[in-house]
Amino acid sequence: MTYIIAEPCIDVLDRGCVDVCPVDCIYEGPDQLYIHPEECIDCGACEPECPVTAIFVEEDVPNEWASYTKKNYVYFEGGEEREVARGRGG
């Protein structure tokens, strides 16, 4: 299980959730923030910090934003290149 950031975050990019994440698993993409599904420890600290209520437990993502679950996983595909691009590797 992981948390998913959905449509309300688009172009908002409030970083309050990043500040409270104990494992630094939230990354900034071109249009929204993303939670790394393998790094997330499911602590839930990020969810109440989101001012636009964009963070959901994966199985609780509203139907209208279901595509954001796949979008989140796709964002982290690409392995090392993406890690380097985010300043986390190489």
PDB file of N, CA and C in Angstrom:
ATOM      1  N   MET A   1       0.847  -1.189   0.000  1.00  0.00           N
ATOM      2  CA  MET A   1       0.000   0.000   0.000  1.00  0.00           C
ATOM      3  C   MET A   1       0.882   1.238   0.000  1.00  0.00           C
ATOM      4  N   THR A   2       0.386   2.257  -0.646  1.00  0.00           N
ATOM      5  CA  THR A   2       1.058   3.552  -0.640  1.00  0.00           C
ATOM      6  C   THR A   2      -0.011   4.634  -0.667  1.00  0.00           C
ATOM      7  N   TYR A   3       0.418   5.843  -0.602  1.00  0.00           N
ATOM      8  CA  TYR A   3      -0.473   6.979  -0.750  1.00  0.00           C
ATOM      9  C   TYR A   3      -0.325   7.514  -2.163  1.00  0.00           C
ATOM     10  N   ILE A   4      -1.412   8.076  -2.678  1.00  0.00           N
ATOM     11  CA  ILE A   4      -1.455   8.618  -4.035  1.00  0.00           C
ATOM     12  C   ILE A   4      -1.851  10.085  -3.938  1.00  0.00           C
ATOM     13  N   ILE A   5      -1.191  10.903  -4.734  1.00  0.00           N
ATOM     14  CA  ILE A   5      -1.557  12.322  -4.825  1.00  0.00           C
ATOM     15  C   ILE A   5      -2.353  12.488  -6.117  1.00  0.00           C
ATOM     16  N   ALA A   6      -3.536  13.064  -5.999  1.00  0.00           N
ATOM     17  CA  ALA A   6      -4.471  13.145  -7.125  1.00  0.00           C
ATOM     18  C   ALA A   6      -4.617  14.579  -7.659  1.00  0.00           C
ATOM     19  N   GLU A   7      -5.599  14.752  -8.511  1.00  0.00           N
ATOM     20  CA  GLU A   7      -5.809  15.981  -9.288  1.00  0.00           C
ATOM     21  C   GLU A   7      -5.770  17.302  -8.513  1.00  0.00           C
ATOM     22  N   PRO A   8      -6.302  17.374  -7.289  1.00  0.00           N
ATOM     23  CA  PRO A   8      -6.270  18.669  -6.606  1.00  0.00           C
ATOM     24  C   PRO A   8      -4.865  19.262  -6.441  1.00  0.00           C
ATOM     25  N   CYS A   9      -3.830  18.444  -6.555  1.00  0.00           N
ATOM     26  CA  CYS A   9      -2.454  18.940  -6.411  1.00  0.00           C
ATOM     27  C   CYS A   9      -1.933  19.593  -7.689  1.00  0.00           C
ATOM     28  N   ILE A  10      -2.576  19.324  -8.815  1.00  0.00           N
ATOM     29  CA  ILE A  10      -2.085  19.839 -10.102  1.00  0.00           C
ATOM     30  C   ILE A  10      -1.867  21.345 -10.001  1.00  0.00           C
ATOM     31  N   ASP A  11      -0.662  21.757 -10.291  1.00  0.00           N
ATOM     32  CA  ASP A  11      -0.240  23.152 -10.307  1.00  0.00           C
ATOM     33  C   ASP A  11      -0.295  23.854  -8.948  1.00  0.00           C
ATOM     34  N   VAL A  12      -0.646  23.136  -7.877  1.00  0.00           N
ATOM     35  CA  VAL A  12      -0.639  23.723  -6.538  1.00  0.00           C
ATOM     36  C   VAL A  12       0.735  23.512  -5.911  1.00  0.00           C
ATOM     37  N   LEU A  13       1.168  22.263  -5.871  1.00  0.00           N
ATOM     38  CA  LEU A  13       2.493  21.882  -5.388  1.00  0.00           C
ATOM     39  C   LEU A  13       2.829  22.448  -4.006  1.00  0.00           C
ATOM     40  N   ASP A  14       1.846  22.479  -3.116  1.00  0.00           N
ATOM     41  CA  ASP A  14       2.122  22.867  -1.734  1.00  0.00           C
ATOM     42  C   ASP A  14       3.029  21.796  -1.136  1.00  0.00           C
ATOM     43  N   ARG A  15       4.108  22.185  -0.520  1.00  0.00           N
ATOM     44  CA  ARG A  15       5.108  21.228  -0.060  1.00  0.00           C
ATOM     45  C   ARG A  15       4.993  20.900   1.433  1.00  0.00           C
ATOM     46  N   GLY A  16       3.854  21.210   2.035  1.00  0.00           N
ATOM     47  CA  GLY A  16       3.652  20.874   3.444  1.00  0.00           C
ATOM     48  C   GLY A  16       3.785  19.385   3.697  1.00  0.00           C
ATOM     49  N   CYS A  17       3.313  18.583   2.750  1.00  0.00           N
ATOM     50  CA  CYS A  17       3.418  17.127   2.893  1.00  0.00           C
ATOM     51  C   CYS A  17       4.873  16.672   2.837  1.00  0.00           C
ATOM     52  N   VAL A  18       5.666  17.339   2.030  1.00  0.00           N
ATOM     53  CA  VAL A  18       7.088  16.999   1.907  1.00  0.00           C
ATOM     54  C   VAL A  18       7.792  17.265   3.238  1.00  0.00           C
ATOM     55  N   ASP A  19       7.459  18.370   3.861  1.00  0.00           N
ATOM     56  CA  ASP A  19       8.108  18.766   5.111  1.00  0.00           C
ATOM     57  C   ASP A  19       7.877  17.771   6.252  1.00  0.00           C
ATOM     58  N   VAL A  20       6.727  17.078   6.254  1.00  0.00           N
ATOM     59  CA  VAL A  20       6.428  16.156   7.353  1.00  0.00           C
ATOM     60  C   VAL A  20       6.759  14.699   7.038  1.00  0.00           C
ATOM     61  N   CYS A  21       7.140  14.397   5.820  1.00  0.00           N
ATOM     62  CA  CYS A  21       7.431  13.011   5.439  1.00  0.00           C
ATOM     63  C   CYS A  21       8.721  12.541   6.112  1.00  0.00           C
ATOM     64  N   PRO A  22       8.640  11.508   6.959  1.00  0.00           N
ATOM     65  CA  PRO A  22       9.838  11.069   7.686  1.00  0.00           C
ATOM     66  C   PRO A  22      10.856  10.320   6.820  1.00  0.00           C
ATOM     67  N   VAL A  23      10.457   9.887   5.627  1.00  0.00           N
ATOM     68  CA  VAL A  23      11.383   9.127   4.775  1.00  0.00           C
ATOM     69  C   VAL A  23      11.669   9.825   3.445  1.00  0.00           C
ATOM     70  N   ASP A  24      11.231  11.053   3.284  1.00  0.00           N
ATOM     71  CA  ASP A  24      11.485  11.829   2.063  1.00  0.00           C
ATOM     72  C   ASP A  24      11.100  11.067   0.803  1.00  0.00           C
ATOM     73  N   CYS A  25       9.872  10.550   0.758  1.00  0.00           N
ATOM     74  CA  CYS A  25       9.424   9.775  -0.398  1.00  0.00           C
ATOM     75  C   CYS A  25       8.517  10.564  -1.322  1.00  0.00           C
ATOM     76  N   ILE A  26       8.388  11.869  -1.115  1.00  0.00           N
ATOM     77  CA  ILE A  26       7.535  12.707  -1.954  1.00  0.00           C
ATOM     78  C   ILE A  26       8.420  13.561  -2.849  1.00  0.00           C
ATOM     79  N   TYR A  27       8.132  13.487  -4.147  1.00  0.00           N
ATOM     80  CA  TYR A  27       8.971  14.150  -5.149  1.00  0.00           C
ATOM     81  C   TYR A  27       8.138  15.101  -5.991  1.00  0.00           C
ATOM     82  N   GLU A  28       8.786  16.155  -6.435  1.00  0.00           N
ATOM     83  CA  GLU A  28       8.110  17.131  -7.284  1.00  0.00           C
ATOM     84  C   GLU A  28       8.281  16.760  -8.739  1.00  0.00           C
ATOM     85  N   GLY A  29       7.151  16.629  -9.427  1.00  0.00           N
ATOM     86  CA  GLY A  29       7.141  16.381 -10.864  1.00  0.00           C
ATOM     87  C   GLY A  29       6.855  17.678 -11.589  1.00  0.00           C
ATOM     88  N   PRO A  30       6.660  17.598 -12.887  1.00  0.00           N
ATOM     89  CA  PRO A  30       6.436  18.818 -13.661  1.00  0.00           C
ATOM     90  C   PRO A  30       5.125  19.537 -13.346  1.00  0.00           C
ATOM     91  N   ASP A  31       4.110  18.800 -12.879  1.00  0.00           N
ATOM     92  CA  ASP A  31       2.813  19.425 -12.645  1.00  0.00           C
ATOM     93  C   ASP A  31       2.214  19.133 -11.277  1.00  0.00           C
ATOM     94  N   GLN A  32       2.800  18.186 -10.545  1.00  0.00           N
ATOM     95  CA  GLN A  32       2.268  17.824  -9.235  1.00  0.00           C
ATOM     96  C   GLN A  32       3.349  17.109  -8.436  1.00  0.00           C
ATOM     97  N   LEU A  33       3.032  16.812  -7.179  1.00  0.00           N
ATOM     98  CA  LEU A  33       3.916  16.018  -6.334  1.00  0.00           C
ATOM     99  C   LEU A  33       3.534  14.548  -6.480  1.00  0.00           C
ATOM    100  N   TYR A  34       4.515  13.665  -6.235  1.00  0.00           N
ATOM    101  CA  TYR A  34       4.309  12.224  -6.359  1.00  0.00           C
ATOM    102  C   TYR A  34       4.904  11.534  -5.143  1.00  0.00           C
ATOM    103  N   ILE A  35       4.273  10.441  -4.705  1.00  0.00           N
ATOM    104  CA  ILE A  35       4.768   9.645  -3.591  1.00  0.00           C
ATOM    105  C   ILE A  35       5.349   8.354  -4.148  1.00  0.00           C
ATOM    106  N   HIS A  36       6.616   8.095  -3.828  1.00  0.00           N
ATOM    107  CA  HIS A  36       7.284   6.891  -4.332  1.00  0.00           C
ATOM    108  C   HIS A  36       6.674   5.670  -3.640  1.00  0.00           C
ATOM    109  N   PRO A  37       6.071   4.751  -4.410  1.00  0.00           N
ATOM    110  CA  PRO A  37       5.367   3.627  -3.798  1.00  0.00           C
ATOM    111  C   PRO A  37       6.264   2.640  -3.055  1.00  0.00           C
ATOM    112  N   GLU A  38       7.526   2.561  -3.397  1.00  0.00           N
ATOM    113  CA  GLU A  38       8.423   1.629  -2.713  1.00  0.00           C
ATOM    114  C   GLU A  38       9.115   2.269  -1.511  1.00  0.00           C
ATOM    115  N   GLU A  39       9.133   3.577  -1.447  1.00  0.00           N
ATOM    116  CA  GLU A  39       9.766   4.273  -0.329  1.00  0.00           C
ATOM    117  C   GLU A  39       8.771   4.644   0.771  1.00  0.00           C
ATOM    118  N   CYS A  40       7.504   4.779   0.403  1.00  0.00           N
ATOM    119  CA  CYS A  40       6.464   5.177   1.355  1.00  0.00           C
ATOM    120  C   CYS A  40       6.316   4.102   2.436  1.00  0.00           C
ATOM    121  N   ILE A  41       6.293   4.539   3.690  1.00  0.00           N
ATOM    122  CA  ILE A  41       6.143   3.605   4.811  1.00  0.00           C
ATOM    123  C   ILE A  41       4.714   3.619   5.360  1.00  0.00           C
ATOM    124  N   ASP A  42       3.805   4.240   4.647  1.00  0.00           N
ATOM    125  CA  ASP A  42       2.384   4.259   4.996  1.00  0.00           C
ATOM    126  C   ASP A  42       2.107   4.853   6.378  1.00  0.00           C
ATOM    127  N   CYS A  43       2.878   5.864   6.736  1.00  0.00           N
ATOM    128  CA  CYS A  43       2.697   6.459   8.061  1.00  0.00           C
ATOM    129  C   CYS A  43       1.499   7.403   8.109  1.00  0.00           C
ATOM    130  N   GLY A  44       1.105   7.957   6.964  1.00  0.00           N
ATOM    131  CA  GLY A  44      -0.046   8.848   6.923  1.00  0.00           C
ATOM    132  C   GLY A  44       0.236  10.279   7.324  1.00  0.00           C
ATOM    133  N   ALA A  45       1.468  10.625   7.601  1.00  0.00           N
ATOM    134  CA  ALA A  45       1.788  11.985   8.047  1.00  0.00           C
ATOM    135  C   ALA A  45       1.463  13.034   6.988  1.00  0.00           C
ATOM    136  N   CYS A  46       1.563  12.666   5.729  1.00  0.00           N
ATOM    137  CA  CYS A  46       1.359  13.623   4.644  1.00  0.00           C
ATOM    138  C   CYS A  46      -0.108  14.011   4.452  1.00  0.00           C
ATOM    139  N   GLU A  47      -0.997  13.066   4.645  1.00  0.00           N
ATOM    140  CA  GLU A  47      -2.407  13.264   4.312  1.00  0.00           C
ATOM    141  C   GLU A  47      -3.040  14.487   4.970  1.00  0.00           C
ATOM    142  N   PRO A  48      -2.926  14.668   6.290  1.00  0.00           N
ATOM    143  CA  PRO A  48      -3.569  15.837   6.901  1.00  0.00           C
ATOM    144  C   PRO A  48      -2.883  17.164   6.575  1.00  0.00           C
ATOM    145  N   GLU A  49      -1.670  17.122   6.063  1.00  0.00           N
ATOM    146  CA  GLU A  49      -0.942  18.349   5.749  1.00  0.00           C
ATOM    147  C   GLU A  49      -1.313  18.950   4.390  1.00  0.00           C
ATOM    148  N   CYS A  50      -2.027  18.194   3.572  1.00  0.00           N
ATOM    149  CA  CYS A  50      -2.374  18.659   2.227  1.00  0.00           C
ATOM    150  C   CYS A  50      -3.518  19.672   2.300  1.00  0.00           C
ATOM    151  N   PRO A  51      -3.287  20.922   1.891  1.00  0.00           N
ATOM    152  CA  PRO A  51      -4.322  21.940   2.003  1.00  0.00           C
ATOM    153  C   PRO A  51      -5.449  21.791   0.981  1.00  0.00           C
ATOM    154  N   VAL A  52      -5.233  20.955  -0.052  1.00  0.00           N
ATOM    155  CA  VAL A  52      -6.260  20.777  -1.089  1.00  0.00           C
ATOM    156  C   VAL A  52      -6.844  19.365  -1.086  1.00  0.00           C
ATOM    157  N   THR A  53      -6.570  18.590  -0.051  1.00  0.00           N
ATOM    158  CA  THR A  53      -7.077  17.224   0.101  1.00  0.00           C
ATOM    159  C   THR A  53      -6.837  16.399  -1.155  1.00  0.00           C
ATOM    160  N   ALA A  54      -5.575  16.311  -1.545  1.00  0.00           N
ATOM    161  CA  ALA A  54      -5.202  15.580  -2.751  1.00  0.00           C
ATOM    162  C   ALA A  54      -4.558  14.232  -2.452  1.00  0.00           C
ATOM    163  N   ILE A  55      -4.299  13.906  -1.192  1.00  0.00           N
ATOM    164  CA  ILE A  55      -3.573  12.689  -0.832  1.00  0.00           C
ATOM    165  C   ILE A  55      -4.545  11.653  -0.278  1.00  0.00           C
ATOM    166  N   PHE A  56      -4.457  10.450  -0.862  1.00  0.00           N
ATOM    167  CA  PHE A  56      -5.347   9.362  -0.481  1.00  0.00           C
ATOM    168  C   PHE A  56      -4.569   8.068  -0.327  1.00  0.00           C
ATOM    169  N   VAL A  57      -5.021   7.201   0.583  1.00  0.00           N
ATOM    170  CA  VAL A  57      -4.524   5.834   0.612  1.00  0.00           C
ATOM    171  C   VAL A  57      -4.887   5.243  -0.751  1.00  0.00           C
ATOM    172  N   GLU A  58      -3.986   4.467  -1.333  1.00  0.00           N
ATOM    173  CA  GLU A  58      -4.165   3.976  -2.695  1.00  0.00           C
ATOM    174  C   GLU A  58      -5.553   3.391  -2.949  1.00  0.00           C
ATOM    175  N   GLU A  59      -6.044   2.556  -2.066  1.00  0.00           N
ATOM    176  CA  GLU A  59      -7.354   1.936  -2.317  1.00  0.00           C
ATOM    177  C   GLU A  59      -8.526   2.875  -2.061  1.00  0.00           C
ATOM    178  N   ASP A  60      -8.264   4.075  -1.550  1.00  0.00           N
ATOM    179  CA  ASP A  60      -9.326   5.048  -1.283  1.00  0.00           C
ATOM    180  C   ASP A  60      -9.348   6.216  -2.265  1.00  0.00           C
ATOM    181  N   VAL A  61      -8.556   6.140  -3.334  1.00  0.00           N
ATOM    182  CA  VAL A  61      -8.566   7.212  -4.329  1.00  0.00           C
ATOM    183  C   VAL A  61      -9.969   7.267  -4.944  1.00  0.00           C
ATOM    184  N   PRO A  62     -10.608   8.436  -4.951  1.00  0.00           N
ATOM    185  CA  PRO A  62     -11.941   8.544  -5.542  1.00  0.00           C
ATOM    186  C   PRO A  62     -11.951   8.095  -7.015  1.00  0.00           C
ATOM    187  N   ASN A  63     -13.055   7.502  -7.428  1.00  0.00           N
ATOM    188  CA  ASN A  63     -13.167   6.974  -8.786  1.00  0.00           C
ATOM    189  C   ASN A  63     -12.810   7.990  -9.858  1.00  0.00           C
ATOM    190  N   GLU A  64     -13.202   9.236  -9.663  1.00  0.00           N
ATOM    191  CA  GLU A  64     -12.932  10.248 -10.687  1.00  0.00           C
ATOM    192  C   GLU A  64     -11.443  10.544 -10.847  1.00  0.00           C
ATOM    193  N   TRP A  65     -10.649  10.137  -9.877  1.00  0.00           N
ATOM    194  CA  TRP A  65      -9.200  10.364  -9.943  1.00  0.00           C
ATOM    195  C   TRP A  65      -8.412   9.051  -9.982  1.00  0.00           C
ATOM    196  N   ALA A  66      -9.071   7.966 -10.315  1.00  0.00           N
ATOM    197  CA  ALA A  66      -8.419   6.650 -10.349  1.00  0.00           C
ATOM    198  C   ALA A  66      -7.205   6.628 -11.264  1.00  0.00           C
ATOM    199  N   SER A  67      -7.211   7.408 -12.312  1.00  0.00           N
ATOM    200  CA  SER A  67      -6.081   7.434 -13.248  1.00  0.00           C
ATOM    201  C   SER A  67      -4.801   7.947 -12.582  1.00  0.00           C
ATOM    202  N   TYR A  68      -4.928   8.644 -11.474  1.00  0.00           N
ATOM    203  CA  TYR A  68      -3.746   9.171 -10.784  1.00  0.00           C
ATOM    204  C   TYR A  68      -2.945   8.066 -10.089  1.00  0.00           C
ATOM    205  N   THR A  69      -3.584   6.953  -9.801  1.00  0.00           N
ATOM    206  CA  THR A  69      -2.842   5.831  -9.228  1.00  0.00           C
ATOM    207  C   THR A  69      -1.828   5.329 -10.252  1.00  0.00           C
ATOM    208  N   LYS A  70      -2.288   5.100 -11.466  1.00  0.00           N
ATOM    209  CA  LYS A  70      -1.371   4.647 -12.524  1.00  0.00           C
ATOM    210  C   LYS A  70      -0.340   5.733 -12.828  1.00  0.00           C
ATOM    211  N   LYS A  71      -0.791   6.989 -12.884  1.00  0.00           N
ATOM    212  CA  LYS A  71       0.124   8.097 -13.167  1.00  0.00           C
ATOM    213  C   LYS A  71       1.263   8.119 -12.141  1.00  0.00           C
ATOM    214  N   ASN A  72       0.940   7.868 -10.870  1.00  0.00           N
ATOM    215  CA  ASN A  72       1.952   7.847  -9.823  1.00  0.00           C
ATOM    216  C   ASN A  72       2.981   6.741 -10.065  1.00  0.00           C
ATOM    217  N   TYR A  73       2.503   5.546 -10.364  1.00  0.00           N
ATOM    218  CA  TYR A  73       3.426   4.427 -10.595  1.00  0.00           C
ATOM    219  C   TYR A  73       4.264   4.657 -11.849  1.00  0.00           C
ATOM    220  N   VAL A  74       3.643   5.174 -12.905  1.00  0.00           N
ATOM    221  CA  VAL A  74       4.372   5.432 -14.149  1.00  0.00           C
ATOM    222  C   VAL A  74       5.457   6.474 -13.931  1.00  0.00           C
ATOM    223  N   TYR A  75       5.196   7.467 -13.110  1.00  0.00           N
ATOM    224  CA  TYR A  75       6.187   8.511 -12.841  1.00  0.00           C
ATOM    225  C   TYR A  75       7.493   7.918 -12.327  1.00  0.00           C
ATOM    226  N   PHE A  76       7.391   6.861 -11.530  1.00  0.00           N
ATOM    227  CA  PHE A  76       8.595   6.274 -10.940  1.00  0.00           C
ATOM    228  C   PHE A  76       9.193   5.142 -11.767  1.00  0.00           C
ATOM    229  N   GLU A  77       8.596   4.814 -12.898  1.00  0.00           N
ATOM    230  CA  GLU A  77       9.214   3.850 -13.803  1.00  0.00           C
ATOM    231  C   GLU A  77      10.364   4.547 -14.503  1.00  0.00           C
ATOM    232  N   GLY A  78      11.370   3.804 -14.879  1.00  0.00           N
ATOM    233  CA  GLY A  78      12.507   4.409 -15.556  1.00  0.00           C
ATOM    234  C   GLY A  78      13.766   4.324 -14.734  1.00  0.00           C
ATOM    235  N   GLY A  79      13.632   3.852 -13.501  1.00  0.00           N
ATOM    236  CA  GLY A  79      14.776   3.527 -12.672  1.00  0.00           C
ATOM    237  C   GLY A  79      15.792   4.633 -12.492  1.00  0.00           C
ATOM    238  N   GLU A  80      17.029   4.297 -12.800  1.00  0.00           N
ATOM    239  CA  GLU A  80      18.164   5.162 -12.480  1.00  0.00           C
ATOM    240  C   GLU A  80      18.083   6.523 -13.155  1.00  0.00           C
ATOM    241  N   GLU A  81      17.602   6.567 -14.394  1.00  0.00           N
ATOM    242  CA  GLU A  81      17.528   7.865 -15.081  1.00  0.00           C
ATOM    243  C   GLU A  81      16.654   8.835 -14.301  1.00  0.00           C
ATOM    244  N   ARG A  82      15.518   8.348 -13.800  1.00  0.00           N
ATOM    245  CA  ARG A  82      14.627   9.225 -13.050  1.00  0.00           C
ATOM    246  C   ARG A  82      15.280   9.614 -11.731  1.00  0.00           C
ATOM    247  N   GLU A  83      15.971   8.696 -11.078  1.00  0.00           N
ATOM    248  CA  GLU A  83      16.650   9.013  -9.822  1.00  0.00           C
ATOM    249  C   GLU A  83      17.686  10.112 -10.032  1.00  0.00           C
ATOM    250  N   VAL A  84      18.456  10.019 -11.088  1.00  0.00           N
ATOM    251  CA  VAL A  84      19.464  11.032 -11.393  1.00  0.00           C
ATOM    252  C   VAL A  84      18.780  12.352 -11.702  1.00  0.00           C
ATOM    253  N   ALA A  85      17.702  12.312 -12.478  1.00  0.00           N
ATOM    254  CA  ALA A  85      16.992  13.531 -12.853  1.00  0.00           C
ATOM    255  C   ALA A  85      16.434  14.237 -11.618  1.00  0.00           C
ATOM    256  N   ARG A  86      16.076  13.492 -10.576  1.00  0.00           N
ATOM    257  CA  ARG A  86      15.533  14.083  -9.352  1.00  0.00           C
ATOM    258  C   ARG A  86      16.628  14.419  -8.359  1.00  0.00           C
ATOM    259  N   GLY A  87      17.887  14.196  -8.750  1.00  0.00           N
ATOM    260  CA  GLY A  87      18.986  14.525  -7.859  1.00  0.00           C
ATOM    261  C   GLY A  87      19.197  13.528  -6.746  1.00  0.00           C
ATOM    262  N   ARG A  88      18.745  12.283  -6.944  1.00  0.00           N
ATOM    263  CA  ARG A  88      18.842  11.284  -5.887  1.00  0.00           C
ATOM    264  C   ARG A  88      19.858  10.198  -6.184  1.00  0.00           C
ATOM    265  N   GLY A  89      20.518  10.262  -7.308  1.00  0.00           N
ATOM    266  CA  GLY A  89      21.449   9.179  -7.615  1.00  0.00           C
ATOM    267  C   GLY A  89      22.568   9.676  -8.508  1.00  0.00           C
ATOM    268  N   GLY A  90      23.463   8.729  -8.868  1.00  0.00           N
ATOM    269  CA  GLY A  90      24.536   8.974  -9.822  1.00  0.00           C
ATOM    270  C   GLY A  90      25.345  10.132  -9.516  1.00  0.00           C
TER     271      GLY A  90
END
